[in-house]
N, C-alpha and C. Protein backbone atom coordinates (compact mmCIF):
# COMPACT_ATOMS: atom_id res chain seq x y z
N UNK A 1 11.60 -6.18 74.63
CA UNK A 1 12.41 -6.36 73.43
C UNK A 1 13.35 -5.17 73.31
N UNK A 2 14.56 -5.39 72.93
CA UNK A 2 15.53 -4.32 72.78
C UNK A 2 16.03 -4.29 71.34
N UNK A 3 15.80 -3.22 70.66
CA UNK A 3 16.31 -3.04 69.29
C UNK A 3 15.61 -3.91 68.28
N UNK A 4 15.84 -3.62 67.01
CA UNK A 4 15.26 -4.37 65.93
C UNK A 4 16.23 -5.43 65.43
N UNK A 5 15.66 -6.54 64.97
CA UNK A 5 16.57 -7.59 64.42
C UNK A 5 17.17 -7.09 63.11
N UNK A 6 18.32 -7.62 62.77
CA UNK A 6 19.00 -7.21 61.54
C UNK A 6 19.34 -8.43 60.73
N UNK A 7 19.73 -8.22 59.49
CA UNK A 7 20.16 -9.34 58.64
C UNK A 7 19.07 -9.72 57.66
N UNK A 8 19.51 -10.46 56.66
CA UNK A 8 18.61 -10.83 55.55
C UNK A 8 17.54 -11.84 56.00
N UNK A 9 17.77 -12.60 57.09
CA UNK A 9 16.79 -13.58 57.51
C UNK A 9 15.82 -13.08 58.54
N UNK A 10 15.81 -11.81 58.83
CA UNK A 10 14.87 -11.29 59.79
C UNK A 10 13.42 -11.46 59.28
N UNK A 11 12.50 -11.83 60.13
CA UNK A 11 11.17 -12.13 59.63
C UNK A 11 10.50 -10.99 58.82
N UNK A 12 10.61 -9.75 59.23
CA UNK A 12 9.98 -8.68 58.50
C UNK A 12 10.59 -8.53 57.10
N UNK A 13 11.90 -8.75 56.96
CA UNK A 13 12.56 -8.63 55.67
C UNK A 13 12.06 -9.77 54.76
N UNK A 14 11.91 -10.97 55.31
CA UNK A 14 11.44 -12.08 54.52
C UNK A 14 10.00 -11.83 54.04
N UNK A 15 9.15 -11.33 54.94
CA UNK A 15 7.81 -11.02 54.58
C UNK A 15 7.79 -9.93 53.51
N UNK A 16 8.54 -8.86 53.70
CA UNK A 16 8.55 -7.73 52.80
C UNK A 16 9.11 -8.09 51.43
N UNK A 17 9.92 -9.16 51.32
CA UNK A 17 10.47 -9.53 50.03
C UNK A 17 9.41 -9.84 48.99
N UNK A 18 8.24 -10.19 49.42
CA UNK A 18 7.15 -10.49 48.48
C UNK A 18 6.62 -9.28 47.74
N UNK A 19 6.99 -8.09 48.19
CA UNK A 19 6.48 -6.87 47.59
C UNK A 19 7.39 -6.31 46.48
N UNK A 20 8.41 -7.06 46.12
CA UNK A 20 9.19 -6.66 44.96
C UNK A 20 8.28 -6.75 43.73
N UNK A 21 8.32 -5.75 42.87
CA UNK A 21 7.43 -5.71 41.71
C UNK A 21 8.03 -6.53 40.53
N UNK A 22 7.09 -7.16 39.86
CA UNK A 22 7.44 -7.86 38.63
C UNK A 22 7.15 -6.98 37.46
N UNK A 23 7.71 -7.33 36.29
CA UNK A 23 7.42 -6.66 35.02
C UNK A 23 7.92 -5.20 34.93
N UNK A 24 8.76 -4.79 35.84
CA UNK A 24 9.19 -3.40 35.84
C UNK A 24 9.97 -2.98 34.59
N UNK A 25 10.51 -3.96 33.82
CA UNK A 25 11.28 -3.63 32.65
C UNK A 25 10.53 -3.95 31.36
N UNK A 26 9.24 -4.26 31.47
CA UNK A 26 8.44 -4.59 30.30
C UNK A 26 7.42 -3.47 30.09
N UNK A 27 7.58 -2.72 29.03
CA UNK A 27 6.76 -1.57 28.80
C UNK A 27 5.27 -1.90 28.73
N UNK A 28 4.93 -3.07 28.13
CA UNK A 28 3.53 -3.43 27.98
C UNK A 28 2.90 -3.88 29.29
N UNK A 29 3.70 -4.33 30.22
CA UNK A 29 3.17 -4.89 31.47
C UNK A 29 3.61 -4.15 32.72
N UNK A 30 4.44 -3.13 32.59
CA UNK A 30 4.95 -2.44 33.78
C UNK A 30 3.87 -1.81 34.65
N UNK A 31 2.75 -1.53 34.10
CA UNK A 31 1.66 -0.94 34.90
C UNK A 31 0.81 -1.97 35.61
N UNK A 32 1.03 -3.25 35.31
CA UNK A 32 0.23 -4.29 35.97
C UNK A 32 0.73 -4.50 37.40
N UNK A 33 -0.18 -4.53 38.33
CA UNK A 33 0.19 -4.83 39.71
C UNK A 33 0.43 -6.32 39.83
N UNK A 34 1.70 -6.63 39.97
CA UNK A 34 2.08 -8.05 40.20
C UNK A 34 3.30 -8.02 41.10
N UNK A 35 3.18 -8.63 42.24
CA UNK A 35 4.26 -8.67 43.21
C UNK A 35 4.79 -10.09 43.30
N UNK A 36 6.03 -10.23 43.73
CA UNK A 36 6.63 -11.58 43.87
C UNK A 36 5.79 -12.46 44.75
N UNK A 37 5.19 -11.96 45.82
CA UNK A 37 4.39 -12.83 46.69
C UNK A 37 3.23 -13.46 45.91
N UNK A 38 2.61 -12.68 45.02
CA UNK A 38 1.49 -13.24 44.23
C UNK A 38 2.03 -14.26 43.25
N UNK A 39 3.11 -13.93 42.56
CA UNK A 39 3.71 -14.81 41.57
C UNK A 39 4.14 -16.12 42.26
N UNK A 40 4.80 -16.05 43.39
CA UNK A 40 5.28 -17.24 44.08
C UNK A 40 4.11 -18.06 44.57
N UNK A 41 3.04 -17.42 44.99
CA UNK A 41 1.84 -18.17 45.40
C UNK A 41 1.21 -18.89 44.24
N UNK A 42 1.12 -18.22 43.11
CA UNK A 42 0.57 -18.87 41.92
C UNK A 42 1.46 -20.05 41.50
N UNK A 43 2.78 -19.87 41.60
CA UNK A 43 3.70 -20.97 41.30
C UNK A 43 3.46 -22.18 42.21
N UNK A 44 3.22 -21.89 43.49
CA UNK A 44 2.91 -23.00 44.41
C UNK A 44 1.65 -23.74 43.98
N UNK A 45 0.63 -22.97 43.56
CA UNK A 45 -0.61 -23.62 43.09
C UNK A 45 -0.31 -24.50 41.86
N UNK A 46 0.55 -24.02 40.96
CA UNK A 46 0.88 -24.81 39.80
C UNK A 46 1.66 -26.07 40.17
N UNK A 47 2.55 -25.98 41.15
CA UNK A 47 3.23 -27.18 41.62
C UNK A 47 2.20 -28.22 42.10
N UNK A 48 1.26 -27.76 42.93
CA UNK A 48 0.26 -28.68 43.50
C UNK A 48 -0.59 -29.33 42.39
N UNK A 49 -0.96 -28.49 41.40
CA UNK A 49 -1.85 -28.99 40.33
C UNK A 49 -1.12 -29.87 39.33
N UNK A 50 0.09 -29.46 38.93
CA UNK A 50 0.81 -30.16 37.87
C UNK A 50 1.63 -31.34 38.36
N UNK A 51 2.08 -31.25 39.61
CA UNK A 51 2.97 -32.28 40.18
C UNK A 51 2.39 -32.76 41.51
N UNK A 52 1.27 -33.48 41.50
CA UNK A 52 0.59 -33.82 42.77
C UNK A 52 1.44 -34.60 43.73
N UNK A 53 2.47 -35.28 43.28
CA UNK A 53 3.36 -36.00 44.16
C UNK A 53 4.61 -35.22 44.52
N UNK A 54 4.49 -33.89 44.43
CA UNK A 54 5.61 -32.99 44.67
C UNK A 54 6.24 -33.20 46.06
N UNK A 55 7.47 -32.80 46.13
CA UNK A 55 8.15 -32.83 47.44
C UNK A 55 7.87 -31.53 48.17
N UNK A 56 8.06 -31.54 49.46
CA UNK A 56 7.94 -30.31 50.26
C UNK A 56 8.98 -29.30 49.81
N UNK A 57 10.16 -29.79 49.43
CA UNK A 57 11.24 -28.92 48.97
C UNK A 57 10.84 -28.15 47.72
N UNK A 58 10.22 -28.82 46.75
CA UNK A 58 9.77 -28.16 45.52
C UNK A 58 8.69 -27.13 45.87
N UNK A 59 7.78 -27.46 46.71
CA UNK A 59 6.72 -26.50 47.09
C UNK A 59 7.36 -25.30 47.80
N UNK A 60 8.29 -25.55 48.68
CA UNK A 60 8.99 -24.46 49.38
C UNK A 60 9.71 -23.57 48.40
N UNK A 61 10.39 -24.18 47.43
CA UNK A 61 11.11 -23.41 46.43
C UNK A 61 10.15 -22.53 45.60
N UNK A 62 8.95 -23.11 45.30
CA UNK A 62 7.98 -22.35 44.53
C UNK A 62 7.56 -21.06 45.25
N UNK A 63 7.41 -21.15 46.57
CA UNK A 63 6.92 -19.96 47.33
C UNK A 63 8.03 -19.04 47.79
N UNK A 64 9.29 -19.37 47.46
CA UNK A 64 10.38 -18.51 47.89
C UNK A 64 11.41 -18.20 46.79
N UNK A 65 11.25 -18.78 45.62
CA UNK A 65 12.35 -18.74 44.62
C UNK A 65 12.76 -17.32 44.18
N UNK A 66 11.91 -16.34 44.28
CA UNK A 66 12.27 -14.97 43.88
C UNK A 66 12.49 -14.06 45.04
N UNK A 67 12.51 -14.52 46.25
CA UNK A 67 12.64 -13.66 47.44
C UNK A 67 13.92 -12.82 47.40
N UNK A 68 15.00 -13.36 46.87
CA UNK A 68 16.26 -12.62 46.82
C UNK A 68 16.23 -11.40 45.91
N UNK A 69 15.24 -11.32 45.02
CA UNK A 69 15.13 -10.18 44.14
C UNK A 69 14.87 -8.89 44.92
N UNK A 70 14.37 -9.05 46.12
CA UNK A 70 14.17 -7.87 47.03
C UNK A 70 15.51 -7.21 47.32
N UNK A 71 16.58 -7.98 47.28
CA UNK A 71 17.93 -7.49 47.56
C UNK A 71 18.72 -7.24 46.29
N UNK A 72 18.71 -8.21 45.36
CA UNK A 72 19.59 -8.11 44.18
C UNK A 72 18.86 -7.65 42.94
N UNK A 73 17.55 -7.52 42.98
CA UNK A 73 16.83 -7.10 41.77
C UNK A 73 16.63 -8.28 40.83
N UNK A 74 16.02 -8.03 39.72
CA UNK A 74 15.72 -9.03 38.73
C UNK A 74 16.36 -8.60 37.41
N UNK A 75 16.59 -9.54 36.52
CA UNK A 75 17.11 -9.24 35.21
C UNK A 75 16.02 -9.56 34.19
N UNK A 76 15.84 -8.69 33.24
CA UNK A 76 14.86 -8.92 32.18
C UNK A 76 15.33 -10.05 31.26
N UNK A 77 14.40 -10.70 30.61
CA UNK A 77 14.75 -11.75 29.63
C UNK A 77 15.63 -11.20 28.51
N UNK A 78 15.35 -10.01 27.96
CA UNK A 78 16.28 -9.50 26.95
C UNK A 78 17.74 -9.35 27.46
N UNK A 79 17.86 -8.88 28.71
CA UNK A 79 19.20 -8.74 29.27
C UNK A 79 19.84 -10.12 29.47
N UNK A 80 19.05 -11.07 29.96
CA UNK A 80 19.63 -12.44 30.16
C UNK A 80 20.11 -13.03 28.85
N UNK A 81 19.51 -12.61 27.72
CA UNK A 81 19.93 -13.13 26.43
C UNK A 81 21.29 -12.54 25.96
N UNK A 82 21.66 -11.36 26.47
CA UNK A 82 22.88 -10.71 26.01
C UNK A 82 23.90 -10.43 27.14
N UNK A 83 23.53 -10.72 28.35
CA UNK A 83 24.36 -10.32 29.50
C UNK A 83 25.55 -11.17 29.80
N UNK A 84 25.69 -12.31 29.15
CA UNK A 84 26.88 -13.16 29.33
C UNK A 84 27.18 -13.47 30.76
N UNK A 85 28.43 -13.25 31.14
CA UNK A 85 28.91 -13.57 32.47
C UNK A 85 28.19 -12.83 33.59
N UNK A 86 27.69 -11.64 33.29
CA UNK A 86 26.96 -10.89 34.29
C UNK A 86 25.71 -11.63 34.73
N UNK A 87 25.07 -12.36 33.82
CA UNK A 87 23.89 -13.11 34.16
C UNK A 87 24.25 -14.25 35.10
N UNK A 88 25.32 -14.97 34.83
CA UNK A 88 25.80 -16.03 35.75
C UNK A 88 26.17 -15.47 37.10
N UNK A 89 26.87 -14.32 37.09
CA UNK A 89 27.24 -13.68 38.37
C UNK A 89 26.02 -13.29 39.17
N UNK A 90 25.02 -12.74 38.51
CA UNK A 90 23.77 -12.37 39.18
C UNK A 90 23.09 -13.60 39.76
N UNK A 91 23.03 -14.67 38.99
CA UNK A 91 22.38 -15.90 39.47
C UNK A 91 23.09 -16.45 40.70
N UNK A 92 24.43 -16.37 40.67
CA UNK A 92 25.23 -16.82 41.82
C UNK A 92 24.94 -15.96 43.04
N UNK A 93 24.91 -14.66 42.86
CA UNK A 93 24.61 -13.73 43.95
C UNK A 93 23.18 -13.97 44.50
N UNK A 94 22.27 -14.17 43.58
CA UNK A 94 20.89 -14.44 43.99
C UNK A 94 20.84 -15.70 44.86
N UNK A 95 21.55 -16.75 44.49
CA UNK A 95 21.62 -17.98 45.26
C UNK A 95 22.24 -17.75 46.62
N UNK A 96 23.30 -16.92 46.65
CA UNK A 96 23.95 -16.63 47.95
C UNK A 96 22.98 -15.86 48.86
N UNK A 97 22.24 -14.93 48.32
CA UNK A 97 21.29 -14.14 49.12
C UNK A 97 20.19 -15.08 49.63
N UNK A 98 19.67 -15.95 48.75
CA UNK A 98 18.62 -16.87 49.20
C UNK A 98 19.13 -17.73 50.36
N UNK A 99 20.39 -18.14 50.27
CA UNK A 99 20.98 -18.91 51.37
C UNK A 99 21.03 -18.09 52.65
N UNK A 100 21.50 -16.86 52.55
CA UNK A 100 21.59 -15.96 53.72
C UNK A 100 20.27 -15.66 54.28
N UNK A 101 19.22 -15.67 53.44
CA UNK A 101 17.84 -15.46 53.88
C UNK A 101 17.29 -16.70 54.57
N UNK A 102 17.98 -17.83 54.41
CA UNK A 102 17.46 -19.09 54.95
C UNK A 102 16.45 -19.75 54.05
N UNK A 103 16.43 -19.38 52.77
CA UNK A 103 15.38 -19.86 51.88
C UNK A 103 15.91 -20.76 50.73
N UNK A 104 17.19 -21.03 50.70
CA UNK A 104 17.72 -21.86 49.64
C UNK A 104 17.18 -23.27 49.72
N UNK A 105 16.90 -23.85 48.58
CA UNK A 105 16.37 -25.23 48.51
C UNK A 105 17.27 -26.07 47.65
N UNK A 106 17.56 -27.25 48.09
CA UNK A 106 18.39 -28.20 47.33
C UNK A 106 17.47 -29.06 46.48
N UNK A 107 17.27 -28.65 45.24
CA UNK A 107 16.36 -29.32 44.32
C UNK A 107 17.11 -30.36 43.48
N UNK A 108 16.44 -31.45 43.17
CA UNK A 108 16.96 -32.42 42.22
C UNK A 108 16.90 -31.78 40.83
N UNK A 109 17.56 -32.39 39.86
CA UNK A 109 17.53 -31.86 38.48
C UNK A 109 16.08 -31.83 37.99
N UNK A 110 15.30 -32.85 38.26
CA UNK A 110 13.89 -32.90 37.88
C UNK A 110 13.13 -31.72 38.50
N UNK A 111 13.36 -31.52 39.79
CA UNK A 111 12.65 -30.42 40.48
C UNK A 111 13.07 -29.06 39.96
N UNK A 112 14.34 -28.93 39.62
CA UNK A 112 14.78 -27.65 39.00
C UNK A 112 14.07 -27.40 37.70
N UNK A 113 13.87 -28.43 36.90
CA UNK A 113 13.14 -28.28 35.66
C UNK A 113 11.68 -27.95 35.93
N UNK A 114 11.08 -28.58 36.92
CA UNK A 114 9.70 -28.30 37.32
C UNK A 114 9.55 -26.84 37.71
N UNK A 115 10.46 -26.35 38.54
CA UNK A 115 10.40 -24.97 39.01
C UNK A 115 10.53 -23.97 37.85
N UNK A 116 11.46 -24.22 36.96
CA UNK A 116 11.66 -23.35 35.79
C UNK A 116 10.36 -23.37 34.96
N UNK A 117 9.79 -24.56 34.77
CA UNK A 117 8.57 -24.65 34.01
C UNK A 117 7.42 -23.86 34.65
N UNK A 118 7.16 -24.06 35.91
CA UNK A 118 6.03 -23.37 36.52
C UNK A 118 6.27 -21.85 36.56
N UNK A 119 7.50 -21.43 36.69
CA UNK A 119 7.83 -20.01 36.67
C UNK A 119 7.45 -19.43 35.32
N UNK A 120 7.76 -20.13 34.25
CA UNK A 120 7.40 -19.62 32.95
C UNK A 120 5.92 -19.78 32.62
N UNK A 121 5.33 -20.87 33.09
CA UNK A 121 3.87 -21.00 32.86
C UNK A 121 3.14 -19.83 33.51
N UNK A 122 3.53 -19.47 34.76
CA UNK A 122 2.89 -18.36 35.41
C UNK A 122 3.07 -17.06 34.59
N UNK A 123 4.25 -16.87 34.03
CA UNK A 123 4.46 -15.65 33.22
C UNK A 123 3.54 -15.64 32.00
N UNK A 124 3.43 -16.76 31.29
CA UNK A 124 2.57 -16.84 30.13
C UNK A 124 1.11 -16.60 30.51
N UNK A 125 0.66 -17.22 31.57
CA UNK A 125 -0.73 -17.04 32.04
C UNK A 125 -0.98 -15.61 32.44
N UNK A 126 -0.01 -14.99 33.09
CA UNK A 126 -0.21 -13.60 33.51
C UNK A 126 -0.31 -12.68 32.29
N UNK A 127 0.54 -12.90 31.31
CA UNK A 127 0.49 -12.07 30.10
C UNK A 127 -0.83 -12.30 29.38
N UNK A 128 -1.30 -13.55 29.30
CA UNK A 128 -2.56 -13.81 28.64
C UNK A 128 -3.73 -13.14 29.36
N UNK A 129 -3.63 -13.04 30.69
CA UNK A 129 -4.72 -12.43 31.47
C UNK A 129 -4.66 -10.92 31.41
N UNK A 130 -3.47 -10.35 31.59
CA UNK A 130 -3.36 -8.86 31.74
C UNK A 130 -3.09 -8.12 30.44
N UNK A 131 -2.46 -8.79 29.48
CA UNK A 131 -2.13 -8.15 28.21
C UNK A 131 -2.18 -9.16 27.06
N UNK A 132 -3.42 -9.67 26.78
CA UNK A 132 -3.53 -10.77 25.82
C UNK A 132 -2.95 -10.42 24.43
N UNK A 133 -2.94 -9.16 24.06
CA UNK A 133 -2.34 -8.79 22.78
C UNK A 133 -0.84 -9.10 22.77
N UNK A 134 -0.17 -8.99 23.92
CA UNK A 134 1.25 -9.28 24.00
C UNK A 134 1.55 -10.78 23.92
N UNK A 135 0.57 -11.60 24.27
CA UNK A 135 0.78 -13.05 24.30
C UNK A 135 1.03 -13.60 22.90
N UNK A 136 0.72 -12.82 21.87
CA UNK A 136 0.89 -13.25 20.49
C UNK A 136 2.13 -12.64 19.83
N UNK A 137 2.98 -11.98 20.63
CA UNK A 137 4.17 -11.33 20.03
C UNK A 137 5.30 -11.28 21.04
N UNK A 138 6.41 -10.64 20.64
CA UNK A 138 7.54 -10.40 21.53
C UNK A 138 8.07 -11.66 22.21
N UNK A 139 8.06 -12.79 21.54
CA UNK A 139 8.66 -14.00 22.07
C UNK A 139 7.75 -14.86 22.92
N UNK A 140 6.55 -14.35 23.25
CA UNK A 140 5.68 -15.14 24.10
C UNK A 140 5.16 -16.42 23.46
N UNK A 141 4.89 -16.47 22.16
CA UNK A 141 4.50 -17.78 21.56
C UNK A 141 5.64 -18.79 21.72
N UNK A 142 6.90 -18.35 21.60
CA UNK A 142 8.00 -19.28 21.75
C UNK A 142 8.14 -19.77 23.19
N UNK A 143 7.90 -18.86 24.17
CA UNK A 143 7.91 -19.30 25.55
C UNK A 143 6.81 -20.33 25.82
N UNK A 144 5.63 -20.06 25.27
CA UNK A 144 4.54 -21.02 25.42
C UNK A 144 4.88 -22.37 24.78
N UNK A 145 5.47 -22.36 23.60
CA UNK A 145 5.88 -23.62 22.96
C UNK A 145 6.93 -24.36 23.79
N UNK A 146 7.89 -23.61 24.37
CA UNK A 146 8.89 -24.24 25.23
C UNK A 146 8.19 -24.90 26.42
N UNK A 147 7.23 -24.18 27.01
CA UNK A 147 6.50 -24.75 28.17
C UNK A 147 5.78 -26.04 27.79
N UNK A 148 5.16 -26.05 26.66
CA UNK A 148 4.43 -27.25 26.23
C UNK A 148 5.38 -28.41 26.01
N UNK A 149 6.50 -28.17 25.38
CA UNK A 149 7.51 -29.22 25.17
C UNK A 149 8.08 -29.73 26.49
N UNK A 150 8.46 -28.81 27.34
CA UNK A 150 9.06 -29.20 28.62
C UNK A 150 8.01 -29.95 29.49
N UNK A 151 6.77 -29.48 29.48
CA UNK A 151 5.70 -30.11 30.26
C UNK A 151 5.49 -31.56 29.77
N UNK A 152 5.54 -31.76 28.49
CA UNK A 152 5.39 -33.11 27.95
C UNK A 152 6.50 -34.03 28.47
N UNK A 153 7.73 -33.52 28.50
CA UNK A 153 8.85 -34.32 29.01
C UNK A 153 8.74 -34.57 30.51
N UNK A 154 8.12 -33.67 31.23
CA UNK A 154 7.99 -33.82 32.69
C UNK A 154 6.70 -34.49 33.13
N UNK A 155 5.91 -34.92 32.14
CA UNK A 155 4.72 -35.73 32.48
C UNK A 155 3.44 -34.94 32.73
N UNK A 156 3.40 -33.66 32.41
CA UNK A 156 2.20 -32.88 32.63
C UNK A 156 1.77 -32.10 31.40
N UNK A 157 2.16 -32.59 30.25
CA UNK A 157 1.87 -31.90 29.00
C UNK A 157 0.40 -31.64 28.76
N UNK A 158 -0.45 -32.64 28.98
CA UNK A 158 -1.88 -32.48 28.75
C UNK A 158 -2.48 -31.40 29.68
N UNK A 159 -2.06 -31.41 30.92
CA UNK A 159 -2.58 -30.45 31.87
C UNK A 159 -2.15 -29.02 31.51
N UNK A 160 -0.89 -28.85 31.08
CA UNK A 160 -0.41 -27.51 30.72
C UNK A 160 -1.11 -27.03 29.42
N UNK A 161 -1.30 -27.94 28.49
CA UNK A 161 -2.04 -27.55 27.25
C UNK A 161 -3.44 -27.12 27.61
N UNK A 162 -4.08 -27.79 28.55
CA UNK A 162 -5.41 -27.40 29.01
C UNK A 162 -5.42 -26.04 29.70
N UNK A 163 -4.40 -25.79 30.52
CA UNK A 163 -4.27 -24.50 31.18
C UNK A 163 -4.19 -23.36 30.13
N UNK A 164 -3.30 -23.55 29.14
CA UNK A 164 -3.15 -22.54 28.13
C UNK A 164 -4.43 -22.35 27.30
N UNK A 165 -5.08 -23.47 27.00
CA UNK A 165 -6.32 -23.37 26.22
C UNK A 165 -7.38 -22.59 27.00
N UNK A 166 -7.57 -22.93 28.24
CA UNK A 166 -8.55 -22.22 29.06
C UNK A 166 -8.19 -20.76 29.19
N UNK A 167 -6.92 -20.47 29.35
CA UNK A 167 -6.49 -19.06 29.47
C UNK A 167 -6.74 -18.27 28.18
N UNK A 168 -6.41 -18.90 27.06
CA UNK A 168 -6.64 -18.24 25.79
C UNK A 168 -8.14 -18.02 25.53
N UNK A 169 -9.00 -18.91 26.06
CA UNK A 169 -10.44 -18.75 25.91
C UNK A 169 -10.99 -17.78 27.01
N UNK A 170 -10.11 -17.31 27.87
CA UNK A 170 -10.46 -16.39 28.95
C UNK A 170 -11.49 -16.98 29.86
N UNK A 171 -11.29 -18.26 30.17
CA UNK A 171 -12.20 -19.04 31.05
C UNK A 171 -11.79 -18.90 32.49
N UNK A 172 -11.82 -17.68 33.01
CA UNK A 172 -11.37 -17.41 34.39
C UNK A 172 -12.50 -17.44 35.41
N UNK A 173 -13.70 -17.53 34.99
CA UNK A 173 -14.83 -17.44 35.91
C UNK A 173 -14.83 -18.62 36.86
N UNK A 174 -15.38 -18.40 38.06
CA UNK A 174 -15.54 -19.49 39.02
C UNK A 174 -16.72 -20.31 38.59
N UNK A 175 -17.07 -21.26 39.37
CA UNK A 175 -18.21 -22.08 39.07
C UNK A 175 -18.32 -23.27 39.96
N UNK A 176 -19.27 -24.09 39.67
CA UNK A 176 -19.48 -25.28 40.48
C UNK A 176 -18.32 -26.25 40.31
N UNK A 177 -18.00 -26.98 41.36
CA UNK A 177 -16.91 -27.95 41.29
C UNK A 177 -17.41 -29.25 40.78
């Protein structure tokens, strides 16, 4: 072998993209170890559980949707609320980087809604697990309500309500199947 491969789609770069940290701009959660690879894996599990007839494209999007953050970074929800055109520009750049990484997915409108839902469900569940006091403030109840409403429209409302209930009860233990 001669020299190292270069470019955004090189295998080591794609693998390393999973180590981008989440929650870096949230004071209450910034100390929690959560990497994009873990988040994306949890999102894949949610796709499998909530949308059993999912497409391979949706599953692929779940396990790669934040990979570009390794290059372009992430924007906090408070910034997204006030960032105007910068937010749209960042989203466009993130899409371009995902394409250059070879990870862009052409999702239907339904699948886009599913991906957005599972992304937010994972955030709510993570907050409930790692900082349950935060789950009751700073906009998290509204995010949970949005998730419940969107899940009902997408056909998995009962399952999502059960997930949130179990999480709020801290029912994380394993057990017999």
